[in-house]
Amino acid sequence: MWTFGLESDDGSRLWIGDQLVVDNDGLHGAEQQRSSIALEAGFHSIDVRWFNASGGAVLGLKRGFQAQPLAPIPSEALRHRP
């Protein structure tokens, strides 16, 4: 089980594959929403969408495996498909 934390000011959403994993949508100050998902070993597509209406601008994505604390996703864990 992986837990993902998505923090934003204002709304944001995280999809892994076709599944919405974290929904932190709406007008609000910086706040984090968390959710867990079981993932098989291997690569998975991620899609983060965010908007900022006014005021501060915050966006952060963290992950944790099983009971580990959440931490930023290291760059070597990410790949870009053209």
PDB file of N, CA and C in Angstrom:
ATOM      1  N   MET A   1       0.843  -1.186   0.000  1.00  0.00           N
ATOM      2  CA  MET A   1       0.000   0.000   0.000  1.00  0.00           C
ATOM      3  C   MET A   1       0.883   1.241   0.000  1.00  0.00           C
ATOM      4  N   TRP A   2       0.579   2.145  -0.876  1.00  0.00           N
ATOM      5  CA  TRP A   2       1.233   3.442  -0.931  1.00  0.00           C
ATOM      6  C   TRP A   2       0.244   4.503  -0.472  1.00  0.00           C
ATOM      7  N   THR A   3       0.713   5.456   0.308  1.00  0.00           N
ATOM      8  CA  THR A   3      -0.093   6.596   0.704  1.00  0.00           C
ATOM      9  C   THR A   3       0.468   7.822   0.014  1.00  0.00           C
ATOM     10  N   PHE A   4      -0.422   8.632  -0.546  1.00  0.00           N
ATOM     11  CA  PHE A   4      -0.028   9.868  -1.222  1.00  0.00           C
ATOM     12  C   PHE A   4      -0.675  11.040  -0.504  1.00  0.00           C
ATOM     13  N   GLY A   5       0.088  12.103  -0.330  1.00  0.00           N
ATOM     14  CA  GLY A   5      -0.409  13.335   0.243  1.00  0.00           C
ATOM     15  C   GLY A   5      -0.263  14.444  -0.779  1.00  0.00           C
ATOM     16  N   LEU A   6      -1.366  15.110  -1.096  1.00  0.00           N
ATOM     17  CA  LEU A   6      -1.362  16.184  -2.078  1.00  0.00           C
ATOM     18  C   LEU A   6      -1.776  17.467  -1.367  1.00  0.00           C
ATOM     19  N   GLU A   7      -0.838  18.420  -1.292  1.00  0.00           N
ATOM     20  CA  GLU A   7      -1.093  19.695  -0.637  1.00  0.00           C
ATOM     21  C   GLU A   7      -1.229  20.770  -1.694  1.00  0.00           C
ATOM     22  N   SER A   8      -2.236  21.624  -1.533  1.00  0.00           N
ATOM     23  CA  SER A   8      -2.398  22.704  -2.499  1.00  0.00           C
ATOM     24  C   SER A   8      -3.186  23.873  -1.922  1.00  0.00           C
ATOM     25  N   ASP A   9      -3.012  25.003  -2.558  1.00  0.00           N
ATOM     26  CA  ASP A   9      -3.788  26.219  -2.351  1.00  0.00           C
ATOM     27  C   ASP A   9      -4.017  26.755  -3.770  1.00  0.00           C
ATOM     28  N   ASP A  10      -5.029  26.537  -4.363  1.00  0.00           N
ATOM     29  CA  ASP A  10      -6.381  26.084  -4.094  1.00  0.00           C
ATOM     30  C   ASP A  10      -6.509  24.593  -4.454  1.00  0.00           C
ATOM     31  N   GLY A  11      -7.312  24.260  -5.458  1.00  0.00           N
ATOM     32  CA  GLY A  11      -7.663  22.871  -5.714  1.00  0.00           C
ATOM     33  C   GLY A  11      -6.626  22.066  -6.474  1.00  0.00           C
ATOM     34  N   SER A  12      -6.613  20.763  -6.172  1.00  0.00           N
ATOM     35  CA  SER A  12      -5.723  19.839  -6.886  1.00  0.00           C
ATOM     36  C   SER A  12      -6.309  18.432  -6.842  1.00  0.00           C
ATOM     37  N   ARG A  13      -5.875  17.626  -7.807  1.00  0.00           N
ATOM     38  CA  ARG A  13      -6.276  16.217  -7.871  1.00  0.00           C
ATOM     39  C   ARG A  13      -5.106  15.394  -8.377  1.00  0.00           C
ATOM     40  N   LEU A  14      -5.014  14.161  -7.882  1.00  0.00           N
ATOM     41  CA  LEU A  14      -3.983  13.212  -8.301  1.00  0.00           C
ATOM     42  C   LEU A  14      -4.645  11.969  -8.850  1.00  0.00           C
ATOM     43  N   TRP A  15      -4.282  11.632 -10.095  1.00  0.00           N
ATOM     44  CA  TRP A  15      -4.697  10.373 -10.700  1.00  0.00           C
ATOM     45  C   TRP A  15      -3.465   9.477 -10.836  1.00  0.00           C
ATOM     46  N   ILE A  16      -3.649   8.201 -10.593  1.00  0.00           N
ATOM     47  CA  ILE A  16      -2.646   7.188 -10.910  1.00  0.00           C
ATOM     48  C   ILE A  16      -3.331   6.241 -11.882  1.00  0.00           C
ATOM     49  N   GLY A  17      -2.784   6.193 -13.088  1.00  0.00           N
ATOM     50  CA  GLY A  17      -3.505   5.510 -14.160  1.00  0.00           C
ATOM     51  C   GLY A  17      -4.810   6.242 -14.386  1.00  0.00           C
ATOM     52  N   ASP A  18      -5.901   5.509 -14.431  1.00  0.00           N
ATOM     53  CA  ASP A  18      -7.223   6.109 -14.632  1.00  0.00           C
ATOM     54  C   ASP A  18      -7.973   6.322 -13.319  1.00  0.00           C
ATOM     55  N   GLN A  19      -7.319   6.082 -12.184  1.00  0.00           N
ATOM     56  CA  GLN A  19      -7.995   6.152 -10.891  1.00  0.00           C
ATOM     57  C   GLN A  19      -7.684   7.453 -10.163  1.00  0.00           C
ATOM     58  N   LEU A  20      -8.729   8.172  -9.773  1.00  0.00           N
ATOM     59  CA  LEU A  20      -8.554   9.352  -8.940  1.00  0.00           C
ATOM     60  C   LEU A  20      -8.165   8.883  -7.548  1.00  0.00           C
ATOM     61  N   VAL A  21      -6.973   9.265  -7.091  1.00  0.00           N
ATOM     62  CA  VAL A  21      -6.458   8.799  -5.808  1.00  0.00           C
ATOM     63  C   VAL A  21      -6.641   9.850  -4.720  1.00  0.00           C
ATOM     64  N   VAL A  22      -6.320  11.102  -5.011  1.00  0.00           N
ATOM     65  CA  VAL A  22      -6.477  12.181  -4.033  1.00  0.00           C
ATOM     66  C   VAL A  22      -7.286  13.302  -4.668  1.00  0.00           C
ATOM     67  N   ASP A  23      -8.346  13.701  -3.990  1.00  0.00           N
ATOM     68  CA  ASP A  23      -9.193  14.803  -4.455  1.00  0.00           C
ATOM     69  C   ASP A  23      -9.116  15.925  -3.422  1.00  0.00           C
ATOM     70  N   ASN A  24      -8.353  16.954  -3.736  1.00  0.00           N
ATOM     71  CA  ASN A  24      -8.170  18.115  -2.854  1.00  0.00           C
ATOM     72  C   ASN A  24      -8.702  19.358  -3.578  1.00  0.00           C
ATOM     73  N   ASP A  25      -9.835  19.188  -4.242  1.00  0.00           N
ATOM     74  CA  ASP A  25     -10.386  20.240  -5.089  1.00  0.00           C
ATOM     75  C   ASP A  25     -11.082  21.308  -4.255  1.00  0.00           C
ATOM     76  N   GLY A  26     -11.330  22.441  -4.867  1.00  0.00           N
ATOM     77  CA  GLY A  26     -12.089  23.521  -4.245  1.00  0.00           C
ATOM     78  C   GLY A  26     -11.239  24.728  -3.931  1.00  0.00           C
ATOM     79  N   LEU A  27     -11.915  25.772  -3.485  1.00  0.00           N
ATOM     80  CA  LEU A  27     -11.242  27.006  -3.075  1.00  0.00           C
ATOM     81  C   LEU A  27     -10.890  26.888  -1.598  1.00  0.00           C
ATOM     82  N   HIS A  28      -9.604  26.925  -1.280  1.00  0.00           N
ATOM     83  CA  HIS A  28      -9.169  26.811   0.112  1.00  0.00           C
ATOM     84  C   HIS A  28      -7.722  27.250   0.230  1.00  0.00           C
ATOM     85  N   GLY A  29      -7.311  27.554   1.440  1.00  0.00           N
ATOM     86  CA  GLY A  29      -5.905  27.816   1.712  1.00  0.00           C
ATOM     87  C   GLY A  29      -5.128  26.516   1.625  1.00  0.00           C
ATOM     88  N   ALA A  30      -3.840  26.588   1.893  1.00  0.00           N
ATOM     89  CA  ALA A  30      -2.986  25.398   1.797  1.00  0.00           C
ATOM     90  C   ALA A  30      -3.480  24.309   2.739  1.00  0.00           C
ATOM     91  N   GLU A  31      -3.825  23.172   2.179  1.00  0.00           N
ATOM     92  CA  GLU A  31      -4.214  22.015   2.974  1.00  0.00           C
ATOM     93  C   GLU A  31      -3.844  20.750   2.224  1.00  0.00           C
ATOM     94  N   GLN A  32      -3.614  19.682   2.992  1.00  0.00           N
ATOM     95  CA  GLN A  32      -3.207  18.403   2.413  1.00  0.00           C
ATOM     96  C   GLN A  32      -4.320  17.379   2.596  1.00  0.00           C
ATOM     97  N   GLN A  33      -4.574  16.627   1.535  1.00  0.00           N
ATOM     98  CA  GLN A  33      -5.464  15.477   1.585  1.00  0.00           C
ATOM     99  C   GLN A  33      -4.625  14.243   1.295  1.00  0.00           C
ATOM    100  N   ARG A  34      -4.949  13.132   1.979  1.00  0.00           N
ATOM    101  CA  ARG A  34      -4.205  11.887   1.810  1.00  0.00           C
ATOM    102  C   ARG A  34      -5.136  10.762   1.398  1.00  0.00           C
ATOM    103  N   SER A  35      -4.553   9.801   0.689  1.00  0.00           N
ATOM    104  CA  SER A  35      -5.282   8.599   0.331  1.00  0.00           C
ATOM    105  C   SER A  35      -4.276   7.495   0.026  1.00  0.00           C
ATOM    106  N   SER A  36      -4.714   6.247   0.175  1.00  0.00           N
ATOM    107  CA  SER A  36      -3.838   5.096  -0.074  1.00  0.00           C
ATOM    108  C   SER A  36      -4.352   4.271  -1.240  1.00  0.00           C
ATOM    109  N   ILE A  37      -3.411   3.599  -1.903  1.00  0.00           N
ATOM    110  CA  ILE A  37      -3.728   2.763  -3.055  1.00  0.00           C
ATOM    111  C   ILE A  37      -2.731   1.606  -3.102  1.00  0.00           C
ATOM    112  N   ALA A  38      -3.216   0.420  -3.458  1.00  0.00           N
ATOM    113  CA  ALA A  38      -2.345  -0.739  -3.662  1.00  0.00           C
ATOM    114  C   ALA A  38      -1.829  -0.676  -5.098  1.00  0.00           C
ATOM    115  N   LEU A  39      -0.507  -0.726  -5.257  1.00  0.00           N
ATOM    116  CA  LEU A  39       0.113  -0.671  -6.582  1.00  0.00           C
ATOM    117  C   LEU A  39       1.016  -1.871  -6.773  1.00  0.00           C
ATOM    118  N   GLU A  40       0.931  -2.466  -7.940  1.00  0.00           N
ATOM    119  CA  GLU A  40       1.860  -3.537  -8.291  1.00  0.00           C
ATOM    120  C   GLU A  40       3.213  -2.928  -8.615  1.00  0.00           C
ATOM    121  N   ALA A  41       4.272  -3.736  -8.531  1.00  0.00           N
ATOM    122  CA  ALA A  41       5.611  -3.263  -8.882  1.00  0.00           C
ATOM    123  C   ALA A  41       5.627  -2.818 -10.335  1.00  0.00           C
ATOM    124  N   GLY A  42       6.417  -1.799 -10.633  1.00  0.00           N
ATOM    125  CA  GLY A  42       6.533  -1.314 -12.001  1.00  0.00           C
ATOM    126  C   GLY A  42       6.178   0.147 -12.107  1.00  0.00           C
ATOM    127  N   PHE A  43       6.083   0.606 -13.343  1.00  0.00           N
ATOM    128  CA  PHE A  43       5.808   2.011 -13.615  1.00  0.00           C
ATOM    129  C   PHE A  43       4.307   2.259 -13.680  1.00  0.00           C
ATOM    130  N   HIS A  44       3.902   3.423 -13.209  1.00  0.00           N
ATOM    131  CA  HIS A  44       2.503   3.833 -13.229  1.00  0.00           C
ATOM    132  C   HIS A  44       2.445   5.290 -13.673  1.00  0.00           C
ATOM    133  N   SER A  45       1.498   5.612 -14.526  1.00  0.00           N
ATOM    134  CA  SER A  45       1.356   7.003 -14.946  1.00  0.00           C
ATOM    135  C   SER A  45       0.695   7.791 -13.823  1.00  0.00           C
ATOM    136  N   ILE A  46       1.179   9.030 -13.632  1.00  0.00           N
ATOM    137  CA  ILE A  46       0.572   9.920 -12.661  1.00  0.00           C
ATOM    138  C   ILE A  46       0.185  11.215 -13.371  1.00  0.00           C
ATOM    139  N   ASP A  47      -0.871  11.809 -12.884  1.00  0.00           N
ATOM    140  CA  ASP A  47      -1.359  13.071 -13.435  1.00  0.00           C
ATOM    141  C   ASP A  47      -1.791  13.929 -12.259  1.00  0.00           C
ATOM    142  N   VAL A  48      -1.145  15.078 -12.092  1.00  0.00           N
ATOM    143  CA  VAL A  48      -1.515  16.034 -11.051  1.00  0.00           C
ATOM    144  C   VAL A  48      -2.067  17.260 -11.742  1.00  0.00           C
ATOM    145  N   ARG A  49      -3.261  17.658 -11.338  1.00  0.00           N
ATOM    146  CA  ARG A  49      -3.878  18.876 -11.879  1.00  0.00           C
ATOM    147  C   ARG A  49      -4.148  19.824 -10.727  1.00  0.00           C
ATOM    148  N   TRP A  50      -3.849  21.117 -10.954  1.00  0.00           N
ATOM    149  CA  TRP A  50      -3.905  22.113  -9.901  1.00  0.00           C
ATOM    150  C   TRP A  50      -4.380  23.433 -10.474  1.00  0.00           C
ATOM    151  N   PHE A  51      -5.124  24.188  -9.671  1.00  0.00           N
ATOM    152  CA  PHE A  51      -5.450  25.556 -10.061  1.00  0.00           C
ATOM    153  C   PHE A  51      -5.296  26.461  -8.854  1.00  0.00           C
ATOM    154  N   ASN A  52      -4.999  27.715  -9.123  1.00  0.00           N
ATOM    155  CA  ASN A  52      -4.850  28.722  -8.077  1.00  0.00           C
ATOM    156  C   ASN A  52      -5.751  29.897  -8.440  1.00  0.00           C
ATOM    157  N   ALA A  53      -6.737  30.177  -7.596  1.00  0.00           N
ATOM    158  CA  ALA A  53      -7.685  31.262  -7.875  1.00  0.00           C
ATOM    159  C   ALA A  53      -7.124  32.603  -7.441  1.00  0.00           C
ATOM    160  N   SER A  54      -6.599  32.685  -6.243  1.00  0.00           N
ATOM    161  CA  SER A  54      -6.041  33.942  -5.737  1.00  0.00           C
ATOM    162  C   SER A  54      -5.230  33.642  -4.482  1.00  0.00           C
ATOM    163  N   GLY A  55      -4.531  34.650  -4.005  1.00  0.00           N
ATOM    164  CA  GLY A  55      -3.752  34.476  -2.778  1.00  0.00           C
ATOM    165  C   GLY A  55      -2.508  33.646  -3.010  1.00  0.00           C
ATOM    166  N   GLY A  56      -2.131  32.871  -2.003  1.00  0.00           N
ATOM    167  CA  GLY A  56      -0.917  32.065  -2.061  1.00  0.00           C
ATOM    168  C   GLY A  56      -0.981  30.986  -3.120  1.00  0.00           C
ATOM    169  N   ALA A  57       0.177  30.476  -3.477  1.00  0.00           N
ATOM    170  CA  ALA A  57       0.287  29.408  -4.469  1.00  0.00           C
ATOM    171  C   ALA A  57       1.113  28.282  -3.866  1.00  0.00           C
ATOM    172  N   VAL A  58       0.458  27.160  -3.568  1.00  0.00           N
ATOM    173  CA  VAL A  58       1.127  26.010  -2.949  1.00  0.00           C
ATOM    174  C   VAL A  58       0.744  24.760  -3.708  1.00  0.00           C
ATOM    175  N   LEU A  59       1.729  23.918  -4.019  1.00  0.00           N
ATOM    176  CA  LEU A  59       1.476  22.599  -4.594  1.00  0.00           C
ATOM    177  C   LEU A  59       2.599  21.682  -4.155  1.00  0.00           C
ATOM    178  N   GLY A  60       2.251  20.545  -3.563  1.00  0.00           N
ATOM    179  CA  GLY A  60       3.253  19.576  -3.125  1.00  0.00           C
ATOM    180  C   GLY A  60       2.679  18.174  -3.147  1.00  0.00           C
ATOM    181  N   LEU A  61       3.478  17.214  -3.600  1.00  0.00           N
ATOM    182  CA  LEU A  61       3.074  15.809  -3.651  1.00  0.00           C
ATOM    183  C   LEU A  61       4.097  14.990  -2.894  1.00  0.00           C
ATOM    184  N   LYS A  62       3.615  14.168  -1.953  1.00  0.00           N
ATOM    185  CA  LYS A  62       4.493  13.289  -1.179  1.00  0.00           C
ATOM    186  C   LYS A  62       3.929  11.883  -1.223  1.00  0.00           C
ATOM    187  N   ARG A  63       4.796  10.905  -0.885  1.00  0.00           N
ATOM    188  CA  ARG A  63       4.368   9.506  -0.849  1.00  0.00           C
ATOM    189  C   ARG A  63       5.020   8.792   0.321  1.00  0.00           C
ATOM    190  N   GLY A  64       4.426   7.699   0.720  1.00  0.00           N
ATOM    191  CA  GLY A  64       4.983   6.846   1.761  1.00  0.00           C
ATOM    192  C   GLY A  64       4.545   5.415   1.513  1.00  0.00           C
ATOM    193  N   PHE A  65       5.450   4.460   1.707  1.00  0.00           N
ATOM    194  CA  PHE A  65       5.140   3.045   1.504  1.00  0.00           C
ATOM    195  C   PHE A  65       4.763   2.426   2.837  1.00  0.00           C
ATOM    196  N   GLN A  66       3.618   1.798   2.874  1.00  0.00           N
ATOM    197  CA  GLN A  66       3.062   1.163   4.064  1.00  0.00           C
ATOM    198  C   GLN A  66       3.079   2.138   5.237  1.00  0.00           C
ATOM    199  N   ALA A  67       3.813   1.894   6.293  1.00  0.00           N
ATOM    200  CA  ALA A  67       3.754   2.747   7.486  1.00  0.00           C
ATOM    201  C   ALA A  67       4.816   3.848   7.492  1.00  0.00           C
ATOM    202  N   GLN A  68       5.575   3.992   6.404  1.00  0.00           N
ATOM    203  CA  GLN A  68       6.604   5.032   6.358  1.00  0.00           C
ATOM    204  C   GLN A  68       5.964   6.415   6.375  1.00  0.00           C
ATOM    205  N   PRO A  69       6.662   7.394   6.940  1.00  0.00           N
ATOM    206  CA  PRO A  69       6.153   8.765   6.860  1.00  0.00           C
ATOM    207  C   PRO A  69       6.202   9.261   5.416  1.00  0.00           C
ATOM    208  N   LEU A  70       5.340  10.203   5.095  1.00  0.00           N
ATOM    209  CA  LEU A  70       5.321  10.762   3.747  1.00  0.00           C
ATOM    210  C   LEU A  70       6.571  11.598   3.506  1.00  0.00           C
ATOM    211  N   ALA A  71       7.095  11.504   2.283  1.00  0.00           N
ATOM    212  CA  ALA A  71       8.285  12.254   1.875  1.00  0.00           C
ATOM    213  C   ALA A  71       8.132  12.630   0.404  1.00  0.00           C
ATOM    214  N   PRO A  72       8.815  13.694  -0.038  1.00  0.00           N
ATOM    215  CA  PRO A  72       8.759  14.052  -1.469  1.00  0.00           C
ATOM    216  C   PRO A  72       9.202  12.882  -2.344  1.00  0.00           C
ATOM    217  N   ILE A  73       8.633  12.791  -3.529  1.00  0.00           N
ATOM    218  CA  ILE A  73       8.999  11.726  -4.462  1.00  0.00           C
ATOM    219  C   ILE A  73      10.351  12.073  -5.072  1.00  0.00           C
ATOM    220  N   PRO A  74      11.356  11.202  -4.937  1.00  0.00           N
ATOM    221  CA  PRO A  74      12.670  11.517  -5.507  1.00  0.00           C
ATOM    222  C   PRO A  74      12.630  11.554  -7.029  1.00  0.00           C
ATOM    223  N   SER A  75      13.427  12.424  -7.607  1.00  0.00           N
ATOM    224  CA  SER A  75      13.413  12.598  -9.061  1.00  0.00           C
ATOM    225  C   SER A  75      13.757  11.310  -9.798  1.00  0.00           C
ATOM    226  N   GLU A  76      14.602  10.448  -9.213  1.00  0.00           N
ATOM    227  CA  GLU A  76      14.965   9.208  -9.906  1.00  0.00           C
ATOM    228  C   GLU A  76      13.797   8.221  -9.974  1.00  0.00           C
ATOM    229  N   ALA A  77      12.709   8.476  -9.239  1.00  0.00           N
ATOM    230  CA  ALA A  77      11.527   7.622  -9.308  1.00  0.00           C
ATOM    231  C   ALA A  77      10.566   8.088 -10.393  1.00  0.00           C
ATOM    232  N   LEU A  78      10.871   9.202 -11.034  1.00  0.00           N
ATOM    233  CA  LEU A  78       9.990   9.777 -12.049  1.00  0.00           C
ATOM    234  C   LEU A  78      10.601   9.654 -13.437  1.00  0.00           C
ATOM    235  N   ARG A  79       9.775   9.396 -14.406  1.00  0.00           N
ATOM    236  CA  ARG A  79      10.196   9.356 -15.814  1.00  0.00           C
ATOM    237  C   ARG A  79       9.184  10.154 -16.615  1.00  0.00           C
ATOM    238  N   HIS A  80       9.630  10.686 -17.739  1.00  0.00           N
ATOM    239  CA  HIS A  80       8.744  11.426 -18.622  1.00  0.00           C
ATOM    240  C   HIS A  80       8.594  10.675 -19.928  1.00  0.00           C
ATOM    241  N   ARG A  81       7.372  10.470 -20.341  1.00  0.00           N
ATOM    242  CA  ARG A  81       7.116   9.846 -21.643  1.00  0.00           C
ATOM    243  C   ARG A  81       6.817  10.960 -22.642  1.00  0.00           C
ATOM    244  N   PRO A  82       7.512  11.001 -23.770  1.00  0.00           N
ATOM    245  CA  PRO A  82       7.229  12.018 -24.782  1.00  0.00           C
ATOM    246  C   PRO A  82       5.874  11.815 -25.430  1.00  0.00           C
TER     247      PRO A  82
END
